[in-house]
Amino acid sequence: MYANGKVALVTGAAQGIGRAMVEELLNKGAALAMVDQNRIAGEQCKAVLDEKFGSNRTLFIQCDVTDQEQLRDAFQKTVEHFGRLDILVNNAGVNNEKDWEKTIEVNLISVIRGTYIGLELMNKKNGGQGGVIINISSLAGLTPAAYQPVYSASKHGVIGFTRSIAALASIGNYGVRVNTVCPAFVDTPLLESIDKEENMGEYFQYKDNIKDMMKLFGVLDPSLIAQGLVRLIEDETANGAVMKITTSRGIHFEEFSAHQKTKV
């Protein structure tokens, strides 16, 4: 699928990875519903993009993705405004080990709920036109993260859910592909959370350890994540794919075997 002429909805769209994805999709010719809880950042982002792409290409919707009614309403507003939905990016995420329930709610539950709402609208068996869903995970969803255990758990969950629902979509002939992106450290406001006790809780004492890891592995520019997103959108064979993005290897994929067995 090419993004030109398509309609996309991106959560967490006002800053960081989300904003980079929005701009990349606009460059590719898509129309965008930008969903974000931060009204000020969202309106500022839309104003900047409107100057470059025109006001008719974007719609900003303030939404707390953990609120089921607000999230569903955001999807409805998108379809009412643009007439369709072809691309969904469940990107909104937080790092909060102190209020770990919030981390699960934003990083995992809202991704699951968003995916299900997206499938309702795009599933060809429901009268939809098909499409692509991309859920943003993290390299921490593939490896242990000693200083961010709940963040890591939430991102592991995104990968497991995405690969499973992708398999179901294929078996059911939904006409919707579902994939996930797992970046390493990315230069976004999320990185600032490690310097805050209200985010890190008991793990705040290890903030320098995390910073040392950043120096060792490097920090990605959000634009590279956006490039990976477009690649997954355009590759019609990609379904259940787990794309990894690192400074050392760039864009590559985690390999899984459908017949892999676990020894006990």
C-alpha atoms as a PDB file:
ATOM      1  CA  MET A   1       0.000   0.000   0.000  1.00  0.00           C
ATOM      2  CA  TYR A   2       1.224   3.469  -0.840  1.00  0.00           C
ATOM      3  CA  ALA A   3       0.297   6.291   1.528  1.00  0.00           C
ATOM      4  CA  ASN A   4      -0.613   8.727  -1.235  1.00  0.00           C
ATOM      5  CA  GLY A   5      -4.335   9.478  -1.044  1.00  0.00           C
ATOM      6  CA  LYS A   6      -4.794   7.402   2.101  1.00  0.00           C
ATOM      7  CA  VAL A   7      -5.999   8.473   5.560  1.00  0.00           C
ATOM      8  CA  ALA A   8      -3.920   7.735   8.651  1.00  0.00           C
ATOM      9  CA  LEU A   9      -4.551   8.085  12.371  1.00  0.00           C
ATOM     10  CA  VAL A  10      -1.494   8.429  14.637  1.00  0.00           C
ATOM     11  CA  THR A  11      -1.683   8.491  18.433  1.00  0.00           C
ATOM     12  CA  GLY A  12       0.916  10.396  20.443  1.00  0.00           C
ATOM     13  CA  ALA A  13       1.274  12.474  17.296  1.00  0.00           C
ATOM     14  CA  ALA A  14       2.323  15.884  18.605  1.00  0.00           C
ATOM     15  CA  GLN A  15       5.925  15.140  19.573  1.00  0.00           C
ATOM     16  CA  GLY A  16       8.829  12.761  19.100  1.00  0.00           C
ATOM     17  CA  ILE A  17       8.310   9.631  17.020  1.00  0.00           C
ATOM     18  CA  GLY A  18       4.643  10.419  16.436  1.00  0.00           C
ATOM     19  CA  ARG A  19       5.336  13.822  14.944  1.00  0.00           C
ATOM     20  CA  ALA A  20       8.101  12.424  12.724  1.00  0.00           C
ATOM     21  CA  MET A  21       5.668   9.780  11.468  1.00  0.00           C
ATOM     22  CA  VAL A  22       2.982  12.353  10.762  1.00  0.00           C
ATOM     23  CA  GLU A  23       5.354  14.493   8.713  1.00  0.00           C
ATOM     24  CA  GLU A  24       6.692  11.502   6.784  1.00  0.00           C
ATOM     25  CA  LEU A  25       3.169  10.354   5.928  1.00  0.00           C
ATOM     26  CA  LEU A  26       2.221  13.863   4.839  1.00  0.00           C
ATOM     27  CA  ASN A  27       5.303  13.913   2.605  1.00  0.00           C
ATOM     28  CA  LYS A  28       4.046  10.663   1.082  1.00  0.00           C
ATOM     29  CA  GLY A  29       0.659  12.194   0.272  1.00  0.00           C
ATOM     30  CA  ALA A  30      -1.535  10.940   3.127  1.00  0.00           C
ATOM     31  CA  ALA A  31      -4.090  12.884   5.158  1.00  0.00           C
ATOM     32  CA  LEU A  32      -3.591  12.707   8.928  1.00  0.00           C
ATOM     33  CA  ALA A  33      -5.649  12.581  12.096  1.00  0.00           C
ATOM     34  CA  MET A  34      -3.199  13.594  14.814  1.00  0.00           C
ATOM     35  CA  VAL A  35      -4.326  12.271  18.191  1.00  0.00           C
ATOM     36  CA  ASP A  36      -2.614  13.496  21.351  1.00  0.00           C
ATOM     37  CA  GLN A  37      -3.499  14.318  24.952  1.00  0.00           C
ATOM     38  CA  ASN A  38      -1.413  17.505  24.894  1.00  0.00           C
ATOM     39  CA  ARG A  39      -3.674  20.127  23.305  1.00  0.00           C
ATOM     40  CA  ILE A  40      -1.066  22.884  23.207  1.00  0.00           C
ATOM     41  CA  ALA A  41       1.576  20.701  21.554  1.00  0.00           C
ATOM     42  CA  GLY A  42      -1.021  19.260  19.184  1.00  0.00           C
ATOM     43  CA  GLU A  43      -2.333  22.619  18.023  1.00  0.00           C
ATOM     44  CA  GLN A  44       1.189  23.968  17.608  1.00  0.00           C
ATOM     45  CA  CYS A  45       2.182  20.909  15.590  1.00  0.00           C
ATOM     46  CA  LYS A  46      -0.854  21.262  13.334  1.00  0.00           C
ATOM     47  CA  ALA A  47      -0.173  24.975  12.781  1.00  0.00           C
ATOM     48  CA  VAL A  48       3.400  24.275  11.658  1.00  0.00           C
ATOM     49  CA  LEU A  49       2.368  21.433   9.374  1.00  0.00           C
ATOM     50  CA  ASP A  50      -0.539  23.419   7.919  1.00  0.00           C
ATOM     51  CA  GLU A  51       1.888  26.044   6.657  1.00  0.00           C
ATOM     52  CA  LYS A  52       3.782  23.375   4.748  1.00  0.00           C
ATOM     53  CA  PHE A  53       1.030  21.001   3.650  1.00  0.00           C
ATOM     54  CA  GLY A  54      -2.228  22.968   3.872  1.00  0.00           C
ATOM     55  CA  SER A  55      -4.886  22.933   6.572  1.00  0.00           C
ATOM     56  CA  ASN A  56      -7.079  20.375   4.784  1.00  0.00           C
ATOM     57  CA  ARG A  57      -4.500  17.587   5.186  1.00  0.00           C
ATOM     58  CA  THR A  58      -4.528  17.359   8.986  1.00  0.00           C
ATOM     59  CA  LEU A  59      -7.003  17.065  11.830  1.00  0.00           C
ATOM     60  CA  PHE A  60      -5.955  17.408  15.472  1.00  0.00           C
ATOM     61  CA  ILE A  61      -7.981  15.528  18.064  1.00  0.00           C
ATOM     62  CA  GLN A  62      -7.239  15.867  21.768  1.00  0.00           C
ATOM     63  CA  CYS A  63      -7.607  12.450  23.356  1.00  0.00           C
ATOM     64  CA  ASP A  64      -6.543  10.483  26.408  1.00  0.00           C
ATOM     65  CA  VAL A  65      -5.914   7.076  24.836  1.00  0.00           C
ATOM     66  CA  THR A  66      -6.601   5.354  28.166  1.00  0.00           C
ATOM     67  CA  ASP A  67     -10.200   6.620  28.036  1.00  0.00           C
ATOM     68  CA  GLN A  68     -12.165   4.125  25.966  1.00  0.00           C
ATOM     69  CA  GLU A  69     -14.874   6.579  24.935  1.00  0.00           C
ATOM     70  CA  GLN A  70     -12.402   9.312  23.977  1.00  0.00           C
ATOM     71  CA  LEU A  71     -10.374   6.878  21.894  1.00  0.00           C
ATOM     72  CA  ARG A  72     -13.386   5.510  20.037  1.00  0.00           C
ATOM     73  CA  ASP A  73     -14.607   9.066  19.475  1.00  0.00           C
ATOM     74  CA  ALA A  74     -11.245   9.980  17.923  1.00  0.00           C
ATOM     75  CA  PHE A  75     -11.661   7.186  15.369  1.00  0.00           C
ATOM     76  CA  GLN A  76     -15.221   8.262  14.628  1.00  0.00           C
ATOM     77  CA  LYS A  77     -14.187  11.891  14.123  1.00  0.00           C
ATOM     78  CA  THR A  78     -11.432  10.768  11.757  1.00  0.00           C
ATOM     79  CA  VAL A  79     -13.830   8.791   9.556  1.00  0.00           C
ATOM     80  CA  GLU A  80     -16.454  11.544   9.668  1.00  0.00           C
ATOM     81  CA  HIS A  81     -13.886  14.161   8.644  1.00  0.00           C
ATOM     82  CA  PHE A  82     -11.916  12.258   5.981  1.00  0.00           C
ATOM     83  CA  GLY A  83     -14.451   9.619   4.983  1.00  0.00           C
ATOM     84  CA  ARG A  84     -12.215   6.603   5.605  1.00  0.00           C
ATOM     85  CA  LEU A  85      -9.315   5.095   7.556  1.00  0.00           C
ATOM     86  CA  ASP A  86      -6.488   3.192   5.877  1.00  0.00           C
ATOM     87  CA  ILE A  87      -3.493   3.424   8.217  1.00  0.00           C
ATOM     88  CA  LEU A  88      -3.407   3.276  12.019  1.00  0.00           C
ATOM     89  CA  VAL A  89      -0.294   3.890  14.105  1.00  0.00           C
ATOM     90  CA  ASN A  90      -0.708   3.107  17.806  1.00  0.00           C
ATOM     91  CA  ASN A  91       2.284   5.149  18.948  1.00  0.00           C
ATOM     92  CA  ALA A  92       1.316   6.819  22.250  1.00  0.00           C
ATOM     93  CA  GLY A  93       3.600   5.658  25.047  1.00  0.00           C
ATOM     94  CA  VAL A  94       4.941   6.571  28.469  1.00  0.00           C
ATOM     95  CA  ASN A  95       7.680   5.485  30.847  1.00  0.00           C
ATOM     96  CA  ASN A  96       6.448   5.512  34.422  1.00  0.00           C
ATOM     97  CA  GLU A  97       7.767   2.833  36.753  1.00  0.00           C
ATOM     98  CA  LYS A  98       6.315   4.593  39.812  1.00  0.00           C
ATOM     99  CA  ASP A  99       2.754   4.682  38.485  1.00  0.00           C
ATOM    100  CA  TRP A 100       3.223   1.418  36.659  1.00  0.00           C
ATOM    101  CA  GLU A 101      -0.475   0.846  36.098  1.00  0.00           C
ATOM    102  CA  LYS A 102      -0.485   3.941  33.882  1.00  0.00           C
ATOM    103  CA  THR A 103       2.380   2.495  31.855  1.00  0.00           C
ATOM    104  CA  ILE A 104       0.371  -0.675  31.208  1.00  0.00           C
ATOM    105  CA  GLU A 105      -2.756   1.344  30.384  1.00  0.00           C
ATOM    106  CA  VAL A 106      -1.033   3.595  27.842  1.00  0.00           C
ATOM    107  CA  ASN A 107       1.575   1.274  26.358  1.00  0.00           C
ATOM    108  CA  LEU A 108      -0.415  -1.934  26.130  1.00  0.00           C
ATOM    109  CA  ILE A 109      -4.133  -1.612  26.846  1.00  0.00           C
ATOM    110  CA  SER A 110      -4.619   1.427  24.593  1.00  0.00           C
ATOM    111  CA  VAL A 111      -2.674  -0.318  21.824  1.00  0.00           C
ATOM    112  CA  ILE A 112      -4.908  -3.383  22.081  1.00  0.00           C
ATOM    113  CA  ARG A 113      -8.066  -1.271  22.192  1.00  0.00           C
ATOM    114  CA  GLY A 114      -6.897   0.927  19.313  1.00  0.00           C
ATOM    115  CA  THR A 115      -6.107  -2.136  17.223  1.00  0.00           C
ATOM    116  CA  TYR A 116      -9.547  -3.607  17.810  1.00  0.00           C
ATOM    117  CA  ILE A 117     -11.286  -0.330  16.923  1.00  0.00           C
ATOM    118  CA  GLY A 118      -9.113  -0.008  13.827  1.00  0.00           C
ATOM    119  CA  LEU A 119      -9.974  -3.556  12.784  1.00  0.00           C
ATOM    120  CA  GLU A 120     -13.692  -2.835  13.175  1.00  0.00           C
ATOM    121  CA  LEU A 121     -13.365   0.026  10.705  1.00  0.00           C
ATOM    122  CA  MET A 122     -10.933  -1.515   8.223  1.00  0.00           C
ATOM    123  CA  ASN A 123     -11.844  -5.217   8.228  1.00  0.00           C
ATOM    124  CA  LYS A 124     -13.149  -6.072   4.741  1.00  0.00           C
ATOM    125  CA  LYS A 125     -15.547  -8.569   6.302  1.00  0.00           C
ATOM    126  CA  ASN A 126     -17.185  -5.640   8.120  1.00  0.00           C
ATOM    127  CA  GLY A 127     -17.466  -3.607   4.933  1.00  0.00           C
ATOM    128  CA  GLY A 128     -14.116  -1.866   5.420  1.00  0.00           C
ATOM    129  CA  GLN A 129     -11.556  -1.251   2.710  1.00  0.00           C
ATOM    130  CA  GLY A 130      -8.619  -2.991   4.381  1.00  0.00           C
ATOM    131  CA  GLY A 131      -5.487  -1.278   5.604  1.00  0.00           C
ATOM    132  CA  VAL A 132      -2.413  -1.408   7.795  1.00  0.00           C
ATOM    133  CA  ILE A 133      -1.978  -1.177  11.568  1.00  0.00           C
ATOM    134  CA  ILE A 134       1.425  -0.520  13.073  1.00  0.00           C
ATOM    135  CA  ASN A 135       1.971  -0.777  16.813  1.00  0.00           C
ATOM    136  CA  ILE A 136       5.044   0.883  18.289  1.00  0.00           C
ATOM    137  CA  SER A 137       6.941  -1.311  20.715  1.00  0.00           C
ATOM    138  CA  SER A 138      10.598  -1.006  21.712  1.00  0.00           C
ATOM    139  CA  LEU A 139      13.835  -2.944  21.746  1.00  0.00           C
ATOM    140  CA  ALA A 140      12.971  -3.273  25.455  1.00  0.00           C
ATOM    141  CA  GLY A 141      10.133  -5.509  24.265  1.00  0.00           C
ATOM    142  CA  LEU A 142      12.661  -8.046  23.017  1.00  0.00           C
ATOM    143  CA  THR A 143      15.291  -7.874  25.755  1.00  0.00           C
ATOM    144  CA  PRO A 144      15.317  -7.458  29.546  1.00  0.00           C
ATOM    145  CA  ALA A 145      15.366  -3.882  30.838  1.00  0.00           C
ATOM    146  CA  ALA A 146      16.538  -4.140  34.442  1.00  0.00           C
ATOM    147  CA  TYR A 147      15.769  -0.527  35.335  1.00  0.00           C
ATOM    148  CA  GLN A 148      12.414  -0.358  33.529  1.00  0.00           C
ATOM    149  CA  PRO A 149      10.710  -3.706  34.197  1.00  0.00           C
ATOM    150  CA  VAL A 150       7.105  -2.586  33.692  1.00  0.00           C
ATOM    151  CA  TYR A 151       7.952  -0.555  30.579  1.00  0.00           C
ATOM    152  CA  SER A 152       9.681  -3.646  29.230  1.00  0.00           C
ATOM    153  CA  ALA A 153       6.707  -5.842  30.115  1.00  0.00           C
ATOM    154  CA  SER A 154       4.299  -3.513  28.335  1.00  0.00           C
ATOM    155  CA  LYS A 155       6.431  -3.520  25.188  1.00  0.00           C
ATOM    156  CA  HIS A 156       6.825  -7.314  25.271  1.00  0.00           C
ATOM    157  CA  GLY A 157       3.032  -7.427  25.408  1.00  0.00           C
ATOM    158  CA  VAL A 158       2.707  -5.222  22.324  1.00  0.00           C
ATOM    159  CA  ILE A 159       4.873  -7.616  20.319  1.00  0.00           C
ATOM    160  CA  GLY A 160       2.993 -10.723  21.452  1.00  0.00           C
ATOM    161  CA  PHE A 161      -0.395  -9.151  20.794  1.00  0.00           C
ATOM    162  CA  THR A 162       0.618  -7.739  17.411  1.00  0.00           C
ATOM    163  CA  ARG A 163       2.034 -10.996  16.070  1.00  0.00           C
ATOM    164  CA  SER A 164      -0.992 -12.938  17.320  1.00  0.00           C
ATOM    165  CA  ILE A 165      -3.629 -10.565  15.930  1.00  0.00           C
ATOM    166  CA  ALA A 166      -1.683 -10.392  12.641  1.00  0.00           C
ATOM    167  CA  ALA A 167      -1.950 -14.167  12.351  1.00  0.00           C
ATOM    168  CA  LEU A 168      -5.679 -13.996  13.043  1.00  0.00           C
ATOM    169  CA  ALA A 169      -6.169 -11.225  10.479  1.00  0.00           C
ATOM    170  CA  SER A 170      -4.427 -13.375   7.891  1.00  0.00           C
ATOM    171  CA  ILE A 171      -6.426 -16.503   8.718  1.00  0.00           C
ATOM    172  CA  GLY A 172      -9.655 -14.495   8.705  1.00  0.00           C
ATOM    173  CA  ASN A 173      -8.881 -12.669   5.438  1.00  0.00           C
ATOM    174  CA  TYR A 174      -9.520  -9.291   7.069  1.00  0.00           C
ATOM    175  CA  GLY A 175      -7.532  -7.433   4.423  1.00  0.00           C
ATOM    176  CA  VAL A 176      -5.599  -5.726   7.227  1.00  0.00           C
ATOM    177  CA  ARG A 177      -1.900  -6.206   7.946  1.00  0.00           C
ATOM    178  CA  VAL A 178      -0.599  -5.676  11.491  1.00  0.00           C
ATOM    179  CA  ASN A 179       3.079  -5.057  12.273  1.00  0.00           C
ATOM    180  CA  THR A 180       5.251  -3.622  15.014  1.00  0.00           C
ATOM    181  CA  VAL A 181       8.329  -1.399  15.225  1.00  0.00           C
ATOM    182  CA  CYS A 182      10.935  -1.820  17.974  1.00  0.00           C
ATOM    183  CA  PRO A 183      13.352   1.103  18.164  1.00  0.00           C
ATOM    184  CA  ALA A 184      16.306   1.374  20.508  1.00  0.00           C
ATOM    185  CA  PHE A 185      16.830   4.704  22.326  1.00  0.00           C
ATOM    186  CA  VAL A 186      15.224   7.542  20.356  1.00  0.00           C
ATOM    187  CA  ASP A 187      15.724  11.279  20.808  1.00  0.00           C
ATOM    188  CA  THR A 188      12.257  12.102  22.163  1.00  0.00           C
ATOM    189  CA  PRO A 189      10.786  13.715  25.312  1.00  0.00           C
ATOM    190  CA  LEU A 190      10.319  10.166  26.677  1.00  0.00           C
ATOM    191  CA  LEU A 191      14.055   9.970  27.385  1.00  0.00           C
ATOM    192  CA  GLU A 192      13.707  12.889  29.782  1.00  0.00           C
ATOM    193  CA  SER A 193      11.552  10.735  32.070  1.00  0.00           C
ATOM    194  CA  ILE A 194      14.574   8.854  33.402  1.00  0.00           C
ATOM    195  CA  ASP A 195      15.719  12.051  35.136  1.00  0.00           C
ATOM    196  CA  LYS A 196      12.477  12.309  37.117  1.00  0.00           C
ATOM    197  CA  GLU A 197      11.829  10.470  40.361  1.00  0.00           C
ATOM    198  CA  GLU A 198       8.080  10.812  39.759  1.00  0.00           C
ATOM    199  CA  ASN A 199       8.545   8.616  36.696  1.00  0.00           C
ATOM    200  CA  MET A 200      11.278   6.217  37.767  1.00  0.00           C
ATOM    201  CA  GLY A 201      10.339   5.661  41.420  1.00  0.00           C
ATOM    202  CA  GLU A 202      12.735   3.246  43.115  1.00  0.00           C
ATOM    203  CA  TYR A 203      14.709   2.917  39.856  1.00  0.00           C
ATOM    204  CA  PHE A 204      15.628   6.617  39.857  1.00  0.00           C
ATOM    205  CA  GLN A 205      18.909   5.665  41.540  1.00  0.00           C
ATOM    206  CA  TYR A 206      19.924   3.894  38.312  1.00  0.00           C
ATOM    207  CA  LYS A 207      19.411   6.845  35.958  1.00  0.00           C
ATOM    208  CA  ASP A 208      23.150   7.155  35.317  1.00  0.00           C
ATOM    209  CA  ASN A 209      23.280   3.488  34.348  1.00  0.00           C
ATOM    210  CA  ILE A 210      20.631   4.138  31.694  1.00  0.00           C
ATOM    211  CA  LYS A 211      22.539   7.192  30.453  1.00  0.00           C
ATOM    212  CA  ASP A 212      25.667   5.064  30.155  1.00  0.00           C
ATOM    213  CA  MET A 213      23.684   2.637  28.004  1.00  0.00           C
ATOM    214  CA  MET A 214      22.605   5.517  25.774  1.00  0.00           C
ATOM    215  CA  LYS A 215      26.207   6.543  25.293  1.00  0.00           C
ATOM    216  CA  LEU A 216      27.178   2.966  24.507  1.00  0.00           C
ATOM    217  CA  PHE A 217      24.378   2.183  22.051  1.00  0.00           C
ATOM    218  CA  GLY A 218      23.655   5.672  20.730  1.00  0.00           C
ATOM    219  CA  VAL A 219      20.390   7.543  20.280  1.00  0.00           C
ATOM    220  CA  LEU A 220      18.293   7.381  17.112  1.00  0.00           C
ATOM    221  CA  ASP A 221      16.708  10.299  15.291  1.00  0.00           C
ATOM    222  CA  PRO A 222      12.881   9.958  15.101  1.00  0.00           C
ATOM    223  CA  SER A 223      13.028  10.384  11.316  1.00  0.00           C
ATOM    224  CA  LEU A 224      14.597   6.923  10.965  1.00  0.00           C
ATOM    225  CA  ILE A 225      11.658   5.376  12.816  1.00  0.00           C
ATOM    226  CA  ALA A 226       9.314   7.170  10.434  1.00  0.00           C
ATOM    227  CA  GLN A 227      11.188   5.699   7.480  1.00  0.00           C
ATOM    228  CA  GLY A 228      10.733   2.232   8.945  1.00  0.00           C
ATOM    229  CA  LEU A 229       7.025   2.909   9.342  1.00  0.00           C
ATOM    230  CA  VAL A 230       6.643   3.767   5.660  1.00  0.00           C
ATOM    231  CA  ARG A 231       8.542   0.638   4.697  1.00  0.00           C
ATOM    232  CA  LEU A 232       6.056  -1.513   6.620  1.00  0.00           C
ATOM    233  CA  ILE A 233       3.126   0.320   5.064  1.00  0.00           C
ATOM    234  CA  GLU A 234       4.399  -0.133   1.519  1.00  0.00           C
ATOM    235  CA  ASP A 235       5.551  -3.760   1.851  1.00  0.00           C
ATOM    236  CA  GLU A 236       2.429  -5.801   1.083  1.00  0.00           C
ATOM    237  CA  THR A 237       4.141  -8.967   2.330  1.00  0.00           C
ATOM    238  CA  ALA A 238       4.758  -7.576   5.820  1.00  0.00           C
ATOM    239  CA  ASN A 239       2.298  -8.991   8.339  1.00  0.00           C
ATOM    240  CA  GLY A 240       3.238  -9.874  11.903  1.00  0.00           C
ATOM    241  CA  ALA A 241       6.675  -8.390  11.217  1.00  0.00           C
ATOM    242  CA  VAL A 242       8.819  -7.147  14.100  1.00  0.00           C
ATOM    243  CA  MET A 243      11.046  -4.383  12.780  1.00  0.00           C
ATOM    244  CA  LYS A 244      14.067  -3.471  14.893  1.00  0.00           C
ATOM    245  CA  ILE A 245      15.847  -0.139  14.492  1.00  0.00           C
ATOM    246  CA  THR A 246      19.254   0.458  16.065  1.00  0.00           C
ATOM    247  CA  THR A 247      22.187   2.789  15.541  1.00  0.00           C
ATOM    248  CA  SER A 248      24.501  -0.110  14.734  1.00  0.00           C
ATOM    249  CA  ARG A 249      22.340  -1.972  12.210  1.00  0.00           C
ATOM    250  CA  GLY A 250      19.690   0.509  11.170  1.00  0.00           C
ATOM    251  CA  ILE A 251      16.418  -1.034  10.021  1.00  0.00           C
ATOM    252  CA  HIS A 252      16.299  -4.830  10.270  1.00  0.00           C
ATOM    253  CA  PHE A 253      13.935  -7.549  11.456  1.00  0.00           C
ATOM    254  CA  GLU A 254      13.589  -9.990  14.319  1.00  0.00           C
ATOM    255  CA  GLU A 255      13.339 -13.489  12.904  1.00  0.00           C
ATOM    256  CA  PHE A 256      10.791 -15.908  14.340  1.00  0.00           C
ATOM    257  CA  SER A 257      10.080 -19.496  13.411  1.00  0.00           C
ATOM    258  CA  ALA A 258       6.451 -20.533  13.300  1.00  0.00           C
ATOM    259  CA  HIS A 259       7.538 -24.071  14.148  1.00  0.00           C
ATOM    260  CA  GLN A 260       9.955 -23.126  16.915  1.00  0.00           C
ATOM    261  CA  LYS A 261       9.593 -25.400  19.927  1.00  0.00           C
ATOM    262  CA  THR A 262      10.541 -24.710  23.504  1.00  0.00           C
ATOM    263  CA  LYS A 263      12.390 -27.491  25.321  1.00  0.00           C
ATOM    264  CA  VAL A 264      11.228 -28.283  28.828  1.00  0.00           C
END
